[in-house]
């Protein structure tokens, strides 16, 4: 989080810490294999779009799972 200040230390004078302005996102798309207990993920700092979702689905397909695969999407368009 940028633009934060110290709030854990109580004193008479509030101390501000200089930080970069703006906001930087770290995007994570992931899948959890409940049988083998492994995680497959795709991360970036740019945008989340169909290309990142397709990359995740390709990584899941490359695992070579036998049988059907269930994918649950949350807040997906």
PDB file of N, CA and C in Angstrom:
ATOM      1  N   UNK A   1       0.845  -1.165   0.000  1.00  0.00           N
ATOM      2  CA  UNK A   1       0.000   0.000   0.000  1.00  0.00           C
ATOM      3  C   UNK A   1       0.890   1.227   0.000  1.00  0.00           C
ATOM      4  N   UNK A   2       0.630   2.145  -0.885  1.00  0.00           N
ATOM      5  CA  UNK A   2       1.430   3.350  -0.981  1.00  0.00           C
ATOM      6  C   UNK A   2       0.822   4.474  -0.161  1.00  0.00           C
ATOM      7  N   UNK A   3       1.653   5.393   0.273  1.00  0.00           N
ATOM      8  CA  UNK A   3       1.176   6.546   1.021  1.00  0.00           C
ATOM      9  C   UNK A   3       0.778   6.197   2.441  1.00  0.00           C
ATOM     10  N   UNK A   4       1.411   5.209   3.025  1.00  0.00           N
ATOM     11  CA  UNK A   4       1.054   4.784   4.380  1.00  0.00           C
ATOM     12  C   UNK A   4       1.804   5.622   5.410  1.00  0.00           C
ATOM     13  N   UNK A   5       1.353   5.565   6.615  1.00  0.00           N
ATOM     14  CA  UNK A   5       2.053   6.246   7.697  1.00  0.00           C
ATOM     15  C   UNK A   5       2.025   5.357   8.932  1.00  0.00           C
ATOM     16  N   UNK A   6       2.916   5.637   9.837  1.00  0.00           N
ATOM     17  CA  UNK A   6       3.001   4.849  11.057  1.00  0.00           C
ATOM     18  C   UNK A   6       1.803   5.128  11.947  1.00  0.00           C
ATOM     19  N   UNK A   7       1.093   4.088  12.308  1.00  0.00           N
ATOM     20  CA  UNK A   7      -0.036   4.275  13.203  1.00  0.00           C
ATOM     21  C   UNK A   7       0.050   3.347  14.402  1.00  0.00           C
ATOM     22  N   UNK A   8       1.056   2.494  14.435  1.00  0.00           N
ATOM     23  CA  UNK A   8       1.196   1.559  15.546  1.00  0.00           C
ATOM     24  C   UNK A   8       1.871   2.223  16.738  1.00  0.00           C
ATOM     25  N   UNK A   9       2.624   3.244  16.501  1.00  0.00           N
ATOM     26  CA  UNK A   9       3.370   3.903  17.560  1.00  0.00           C
ATOM     27  C   UNK A   9       2.646   5.178  17.959  1.00  0.00           C
ATOM     28  N   UNK A  10       2.248   5.235  19.176  1.00  0.00           N
ATOM     29  CA  UNK A  10       1.541   6.405  19.661  1.00  0.00           C
ATOM     30  C   UNK A  10       2.547   7.401  20.216  1.00  0.00           C
ATOM     31  N   UNK A  11       2.442   8.629  19.765  1.00  0.00           N
ATOM     32  CA  UNK A  11       3.311   9.684  20.275  1.00  0.00           C
ATOM     33  C   UNK A  11       2.606  11.020  20.092  1.00  0.00           C
ATOM     34  N   UNK A  12       3.247  12.072  20.521  1.00  0.00           N
ATOM     35  CA  UNK A  12       2.676  13.405  20.375  1.00  0.00           C
ATOM     36  C   UNK A  12       2.711  13.834  18.918  1.00  0.00           C
ATOM     37  N   UNK A  13       3.760  13.446  18.201  1.00  0.00           N
ATOM     38  CA  UNK A  13       3.946  13.838  16.816  1.00  0.00           C
ATOM     39  C   UNK A  13       3.665  12.660  15.899  1.00  0.00           C
ATOM     40  N   UNK A  14       2.797  12.845  14.911  1.00  0.00           N
ATOM     41  CA  UNK A  14       2.509  11.800  13.932  1.00  0.00           C
ATOM     42  C   UNK A  14       3.637  11.778  12.900  1.00  0.00           C
ATOM     43  N   UNK A  15       4.206  10.609  12.659  1.00  0.00           N
ATOM     44  CA  UNK A  15       5.331  10.468  11.742  1.00  0.00           C
ATOM     45  C   UNK A  15       4.817   9.893  10.429  1.00  0.00           C
ATOM     46  N   UNK A  16       5.057  10.605   9.316  1.00  0.00           N
ATOM     47  CA  UNK A  16       4.651  10.146   7.999  1.00  0.00           C
ATOM     48  C   UNK A  16       5.850   9.553   7.273  1.00  0.00           C
ATOM     49  N   UNK A  17       5.621   8.477   6.558  1.00  0.00           N
ATOM     50  CA  UNK A  17       6.667   7.832   5.774  1.00  0.00           C
ATOM     51  C   UNK A  17       6.426   8.171   4.313  1.00  0.00           C
ATOM     52  N   UNK A  18       7.435   8.695   3.632  1.00  0.00           N
ATOM     53  CA  UNK A  18       7.303   9.050   2.225  1.00  0.00           C
ATOM     54  C   UNK A  18       7.231   7.778   1.392  1.00  0.00           C
ATOM     55  N   UNK A  19       6.305   7.751   0.446  1.00  0.00           N
ATOM     56  CA  UNK A  19       6.137   6.595  -0.426  1.00  0.00           C
ATOM     57  C   UNK A  19       5.774   7.074  -1.825  1.00  0.00           C
ATOM     58  N   UNK A  20       5.886   6.175  -2.781  1.00  0.00           N
ATOM     59  CA  UNK A  20       5.539   6.516  -4.158  1.00  0.00           C
ATOM     60  C   UNK A  20       4.035   6.739  -4.278  1.00  0.00           C
ATOM     61  N   UNK A  21       3.662   7.655  -5.132  1.00  0.00           N
ATOM     62  CA  UNK A  21       2.235   7.904  -5.328  1.00  0.00           C
ATOM     63  C   UNK A  21       1.673   6.907  -6.337  1.00  0.00           C
ATOM     64  N   UNK A  22       0.378   6.727  -6.302  1.00  0.00           N
ATOM     65  CA  UNK A  22      -0.266   5.824  -7.247  1.00  0.00           C
ATOM     66  C   UNK A  22      -0.554   4.471  -6.635  1.00  0.00           C
ATOM     67  N   UNK A  23      -0.958   3.571  -7.510  1.00  0.00           N
ATOM     68  CA  UNK A  23      -1.345   2.243  -7.047  1.00  0.00           C
ATOM     69  C   UNK A  23      -0.776   1.218  -8.005  1.00  0.00           C
ATOM     70  N   UNK A  24      -0.231   0.158  -7.460  1.00  0.00           N
ATOM     71  CA  UNK A  24       0.307  -0.910  -8.293  1.00  0.00           C
ATOM     72  C   UNK A  24      -0.399  -2.206  -7.903  1.00  0.00           C
ATOM     73  N   UNK A  25      -0.901  -2.900  -8.907  1.00  0.00           N
ATOM     74  CA  UNK A  25      -1.639  -4.135  -8.658  1.00  0.00           C
ATOM     75  C   UNK A  25      -0.778  -5.344  -8.957  1.00  0.00           C
ATOM     76  N   UNK A  26      -1.029  -6.399  -8.239  1.00  0.00           N
ATOM     77  CA  UNK A  26      -0.389  -7.677  -8.484  1.00  0.00           C
ATOM     78  C   UNK A  26      -1.521  -8.667  -8.714  1.00  0.00           C
ATOM     79  N   UNK A  27      -1.704  -9.084  -9.957  1.00  0.00           N
ATOM     80  CA  UNK A  27      -2.827  -9.933 -10.345  1.00  0.00           C
ATOM     81  C   UNK A  27      -2.431 -11.400 -10.258  1.00  0.00           C
ATOM     82  N   UNK A  28      -3.305 -12.189  -9.672  1.00  0.00           N
ATOM     83  CA  UNK A  28      -3.059 -13.623  -9.510  1.00  0.00           C
ATOM     84  C   UNK A  28      -4.283 -14.395  -9.972  1.00  0.00           C
ATOM     85  N   UNK A  29      -4.073 -15.338 -10.861  1.00  0.00           N
ATOM     86  CA  UNK A  29      -5.095 -16.311 -11.248  1.00  0.00           C
ATOM     87  C   UNK A  29      -4.540 -17.652 -10.827  1.00  0.00           C
ATOM     88  N   UNK A  30      -5.342 -18.439 -10.141  1.00  0.00           N
ATOM     89  CA  UNK A  30      -4.831 -19.701  -9.644  1.00  0.00           C
ATOM     90  C   UNK A  30      -5.849 -20.808  -9.648  1.00  0.00           C
ATOM     91  N   UNK A  31      -5.324 -22.017  -9.558  1.00  0.00           N
ATOM     92  CA  UNK A  31      -6.167 -23.208  -9.484  1.00  0.00           C
ATOM     93  C   UNK A  31      -5.552 -24.160  -8.461  1.00  0.00           C
ATOM     94  N   UNK A  32      -6.407 -24.779  -7.672  1.00  0.00           N
ATOM     95  CA  UNK A  32      -5.966 -25.699  -6.620  1.00  0.00           C
ATOM     96  C   UNK A  32      -6.417 -27.109  -6.961  1.00  0.00           C
ATOM     97  N   UNK A  33      -5.482 -28.036  -6.971  1.00  0.00           N
ATOM     98  CA  UNK A  33      -5.794 -29.438  -7.185  1.00  0.00           C
ATOM     99  C   UNK A  33      -6.002 -30.073  -5.816  1.00  0.00           C
ATOM    100  N   UNK A  34      -7.242 -30.439  -5.507  1.00  0.00           N
ATOM    101  CA  UNK A  34      -7.564 -30.968  -4.190  1.00  0.00           C
ATOM    102  C   UNK A  34      -7.040 -32.384  -3.981  1.00  0.00           C
ATOM    103  N   UNK A  35      -6.787 -33.119  -5.042  1.00  0.00           N
ATOM    104  CA  UNK A  35      -6.305 -34.494  -4.916  1.00  0.00           C
ATOM    105  C   UNK A  35      -4.801 -34.513  -4.616  1.00  0.00           C
ATOM    106  N   UNK A  36      -4.030 -33.822  -5.446  1.00  0.00           N
ATOM    107  CA  UNK A  36      -2.575 -33.819  -5.264  1.00  0.00           C
ATOM    108  C   UNK A  36      -2.089 -32.675  -4.378  1.00  0.00           C
ATOM    109  N   UNK A  37      -2.980 -31.784  -4.013  1.00  0.00           N
ATOM    110  CA  UNK A  37      -2.673 -30.622  -3.175  1.00  0.00           C
ATOM    111  C   UNK A  37      -1.555 -29.766  -3.767  1.00  0.00           C
ATOM    112  N   UNK A  38      -1.721 -29.442  -5.035  1.00  0.00           N
ATOM    113  CA  UNK A  38      -0.778 -28.561  -5.716  1.00  0.00           C
ATOM    114  C   UNK A  38      -1.517 -27.337  -6.245  1.00  0.00           C
ATOM    115  N   UNK A  39      -0.779 -26.276  -6.447  1.00  0.00           N
ATOM    116  CA  UNK A  39      -1.355 -25.033  -6.934  1.00  0.00           C
ATOM    117  C   UNK A  39      -0.704 -24.656  -8.260  1.00  0.00           C
ATOM    118  N   UNK A  40      -1.521 -24.231  -9.197  1.00  0.00           N
ATOM    119  CA  UNK A  40      -1.056 -23.722 -10.487  1.00  0.00           C
ATOM    120  C   UNK A  40      -1.494 -22.269 -10.540  1.00  0.00           C
ATOM    121  N   UNK A  41      -0.573 -21.357 -10.882  1.00  0.00           N
ATOM    122  CA  UNK A  41      -0.949 -19.953 -10.886  1.00  0.00           C
ATOM    123  C   UNK A  41      -0.321 -19.205 -12.051  1.00  0.00           C
ATOM    124  N   UNK A  42      -0.966 -18.098 -12.400  1.00  0.00           N
ATOM    125  CA  UNK A  42      -0.481 -17.164 -13.408  1.00  0.00           C
ATOM    126  C   UNK A  42      -0.513 -15.790 -12.754  1.00  0.00           C
ATOM    127  N   UNK A  43       0.616 -15.106 -12.718  1.00  0.00           N
ATOM    128  CA  UNK A  43       0.685 -13.791 -12.091  1.00  0.00           C
ATOM    129  C   UNK A  43       1.246 -12.767 -13.066  1.00  0.00           C
ATOM    130  N   UNK A  44       0.821 -11.517 -12.883  1.00  0.00           N
ATOM    131  CA  UNK A  44       1.376 -10.399 -13.648  1.00  0.00           C
ATOM    132  C   UNK A  44       1.060  -9.099 -12.932  1.00  0.00           C
ATOM    133  N   UNK A  45       1.643  -8.023 -13.420  1.00  0.00           N
ATOM    134  CA  UNK A  45       1.386  -6.701 -12.838  1.00  0.00           C
ATOM    135  C   UNK A  45       0.742  -5.764 -13.845  1.00  0.00           C
ATOM    136  N   UNK A  46       0.247  -6.309 -14.946  1.00  0.00           N
ATOM    137  CA  UNK A  46      -0.352  -5.452 -15.971  1.00  0.00           C
ATOM    138  C   UNK A  46      -1.872  -5.540 -15.913  1.00  0.00           C
ATOM    139  N   UNK A  47      -2.480  -6.384 -16.716  1.00  0.00           N
ATOM    140  CA  UNK A  47      -3.936  -6.471 -16.780  1.00  0.00           C
ATOM    141  C   UNK A  47      -4.371  -7.933 -16.672  1.00  0.00           C
ATOM    142  N   UNK A  48      -5.633  -8.108 -16.301  1.00  0.00           N
ATOM    143  CA  UNK A  48      -6.249  -9.430 -16.312  1.00  0.00           C
ATOM    144  C   UNK A  48      -7.232  -9.435 -17.471  1.00  0.00           C
ATOM    145  N   UNK A  49      -7.024 -10.351 -18.403  1.00  0.00           N
ATOM    146  CA  UNK A  49      -7.902 -10.420 -19.566  1.00  0.00           C
ATOM    147  C   UNK A  49      -8.045 -11.881 -19.984  1.00  0.00           C
ATOM    148  N   UNK A  50      -8.602 -12.099 -21.150  1.00  0.00           N
ATOM    149  CA  UNK A  50      -8.821 -13.475 -21.604  1.00  0.00           C
ATOM    150  C   UNK A  50      -7.508 -14.207 -21.848  1.00  0.00           C
ATOM    151  N   UNK A  51      -6.453 -13.477 -22.195  1.00  0.00           N
ATOM    152  CA  UNK A  51      -5.161 -14.126 -22.424  1.00  0.00           C
ATOM    153  C   UNK A  51      -4.614 -14.760 -21.153  1.00  0.00           C
ATOM    154  N   UNK A  52      -4.753 -14.063 -20.012  1.00  0.00           N
ATOM    155  CA  UNK A  52      -4.265 -14.632 -18.760  1.00  0.00           C
ATOM    156  C   UNK A  52      -5.117 -15.826 -18.326  1.00  0.00           C
ATOM    157  N   UNK A  53      -6.417 -15.756 -18.583  1.00  0.00           N
ATOM    158  CA  UNK A  53      -7.285 -16.885 -18.249  1.00  0.00           C
ATOM    159  C   UNK A  53      -6.973 -18.083 -19.134  1.00  0.00           C
ATOM    160  N   UNK A  54      -6.743 -17.850 -20.408  1.00  0.00           N
ATOM    161  CA  UNK A  54      -6.384 -18.942 -21.325  1.00  0.00           C
ATOM    162  C   UNK A  54      -5.035 -19.553 -20.942  1.00  0.00           C
ATOM    163  N   UNK A  55      -4.114 -18.717 -20.476  1.00  0.00           N
ATOM    164  CA  UNK A  55      -2.817 -19.231 -20.028  1.00  0.00           C
ATOM    165  C   UNK A  55      -2.984 -20.149 -18.823  1.00  0.00           C
ATOM    166  N   UNK A  56      -3.867 -19.783 -17.899  1.00  0.00           N
ATOM    167  CA  UNK A  56      -4.129 -20.638 -16.741  1.00  0.00           C
ATOM    168  C   UNK A  56      -4.762 -21.954 -17.176  1.00  0.00           C
ATOM    169  N   UNK A  57      -5.741 -21.897 -18.081  1.00  0.00           N
ATOM    170  CA  UNK A  57      -6.384 -23.125 -18.553  1.00  0.00           C
ATOM    171  C   UNK A  57      -5.397 -24.023 -19.298  1.00  0.00           C
ATOM    172  N   UNK A  58      -4.452 -23.432 -20.031  1.00  0.00           N
ATOM    173  CA  UNK A  58      -3.419 -24.236 -20.706  1.00  0.00           C
ATOM    174  C   UNK A  58      -2.497 -24.915 -19.691  1.00  0.00           C
ATOM    175  N   UNK A  59      -2.169 -24.201 -18.607  1.00  0.00           N
ATOM    176  CA  UNK A  59      -1.337 -24.811 -17.563  1.00  0.00           C
ATOM    177  C   UNK A  59      -2.062 -25.967 -16.884  1.00  0.00           C
ATOM    178  N   UNK A  60      -3.370 -25.807 -16.677  1.00  0.00           N
ATOM    179  CA  UNK A  60      -4.162 -26.888 -16.073  1.00  0.00           C
ATOM    180  C   UNK A  60      -4.205 -28.083 -17.022  1.00  0.00           C
ATOM    181  N   UNK A  61      -4.401 -27.835 -18.303  1.00  0.00           N
ATOM    182  CA  UNK A  61      -4.456 -28.920 -19.286  1.00  0.00           C
ATOM    183  C   UNK A  61      -3.105 -29.623 -19.418  1.00  0.00           C
ATOM    184  N   UNK A  62      -2.005 -28.886 -19.231  1.00  0.00           N
ATOM    185  CA  UNK A  62      -0.670 -29.474 -19.351  1.00  0.00           C
ATOM    186  C   UNK A  62      -0.340 -30.426 -18.205  1.00  0.00           C
ATOM    187  N   UNK A  63      -1.113 -30.367 -17.124  1.00  0.00           N
ATOM    188  CA  UNK A  63      -0.869 -31.283 -16.003  1.00  0.00           C
ATOM    189  C   UNK A  63      -1.223 -32.724 -16.361  1.00  0.00           C
ATOM    190  N   UNK A  64      -2.060 -32.906 -17.374  1.00  0.00           N
ATOM    191  CA  UNK A  64      -2.413 -34.248 -17.828  1.00  0.00           C
ATOM    192  C   UNK A  64      -3.339 -34.988 -16.888  1.00  0.00           C
ATOM    193  N   UNK A  65      -4.300 -34.283 -16.326  1.00  0.00           N
ATOM    194  CA  UNK A  65      -5.250 -34.918 -15.418  1.00  0.00           C
ATOM    195  C   UNK A  65      -6.130 -35.914 -16.175  1.00  0.00           C
ATOM    196  N   UNK A  66      -6.442 -37.014 -15.501  1.00  0.00           N
ATOM    197  CA  UNK A  66      -7.317 -38.034 -16.085  1.00  0.00           C
ATOM    198  C   UNK A  66      -8.726 -37.782 -15.576  1.00  0.00           C
ATOM    199  N   UNK A  67      -9.678 -37.713 -16.480  1.00  0.00           N
ATOM    200  CA  UNK A  67     -11.067 -37.485 -16.092  1.00  0.00           C
ATOM    201  C   UNK A  67     -11.447 -36.026 -16.207  1.00  0.00           C
ATOM    202  N   UNK A  68     -12.672 -35.715 -15.806  1.00  0.00           N
ATOM    203  CA  UNK A  68     -13.152 -34.338 -15.950  1.00  0.00           C
ATOM    204  C   UNK A  68     -12.482 -33.391 -14.945  1.00  0.00           C
ATOM    205  N   UNK A  69     -12.383 -32.142 -15.343  1.00  0.00           N
ATOM    206  CA  UNK A  69     -11.815 -31.087 -14.495  1.00  0.00           C
ATOM    207  C   UNK A  69     -12.911 -30.061 -14.250  1.00  0.00           C
ATOM    208  N   UNK A  70     -13.136 -29.709 -12.996  1.00  0.00           N
ATOM    209  CA  UNK A  70     -14.135 -28.712 -12.639  1.00  0.00           C
ATOM    210  C   UNK A  70     -13.439 -27.398 -12.353  1.00  0.00           C
ATOM    211  N   UNK A  71     -13.863 -26.338 -13.045  1.00  0.00           N
ATOM    212  CA  UNK A  71     -13.308 -25.003 -12.836  1.00  0.00           C
ATOM    213  C   UNK A  71     -14.421 -24.121 -12.290  1.00  0.00           C
ATOM    214  N   UNK A  72     -14.192 -23.521 -11.138  1.00  0.00           N
ATOM    215  CA  UNK A  72     -15.174 -22.632 -10.511  1.00  0.00           C
ATOM    216  C   UNK A  72     -14.657 -21.202 -10.668  1.00  0.00           C
ATOM    217  N   UNK A  73     -15.472 -20.359 -11.293  1.00  0.00           N
ATOM    218  CA  UNK A  73     -15.081 -18.969 -11.523  1.00  0.00           C
ATOM    219  C   UNK A  73     -15.810 -18.055 -10.546  1.00  0.00           C
ATOM    220  N   UNK A  74     -15.094 -17.107  -9.987  1.00  0.00           N
ATOM    221  CA  UNK A  74     -15.669 -16.167  -9.035  1.00  0.00           C
ATOM    222  C   UNK A  74     -15.574 -14.761  -9.608  1.00  0.00           C
ATOM    223  N   UNK A  75     -16.688 -14.072  -9.725  1.00  0.00           N
ATOM    224  CA  UNK A  75     -16.753 -12.718 -10.264  1.00  0.00           C
ATOM    225  C   UNK A  75     -16.183 -12.630 -11.672  1.00  0.00           C
ATOM    226  N   UNK A  76     -16.377 -13.639 -12.452  1.00  0.00           N
ATOM    227  CA  UNK A  76     -15.869 -13.651 -13.830  1.00  0.00           C
ATOM    228  C   UNK A  76     -16.968 -13.173 -14.773  1.00  0.00           C
ATOM    229  N   UNK A  77     -16.561 -12.480 -15.809  1.00  0.00           N
ATOM    230  CA  UNK A  77     -17.532 -12.032 -16.803  1.00  0.00           C
ATOM    231  C   UNK A  77     -17.669 -13.052 -17.890  1.00  0.00           C
TER     232      UNK A  77
END
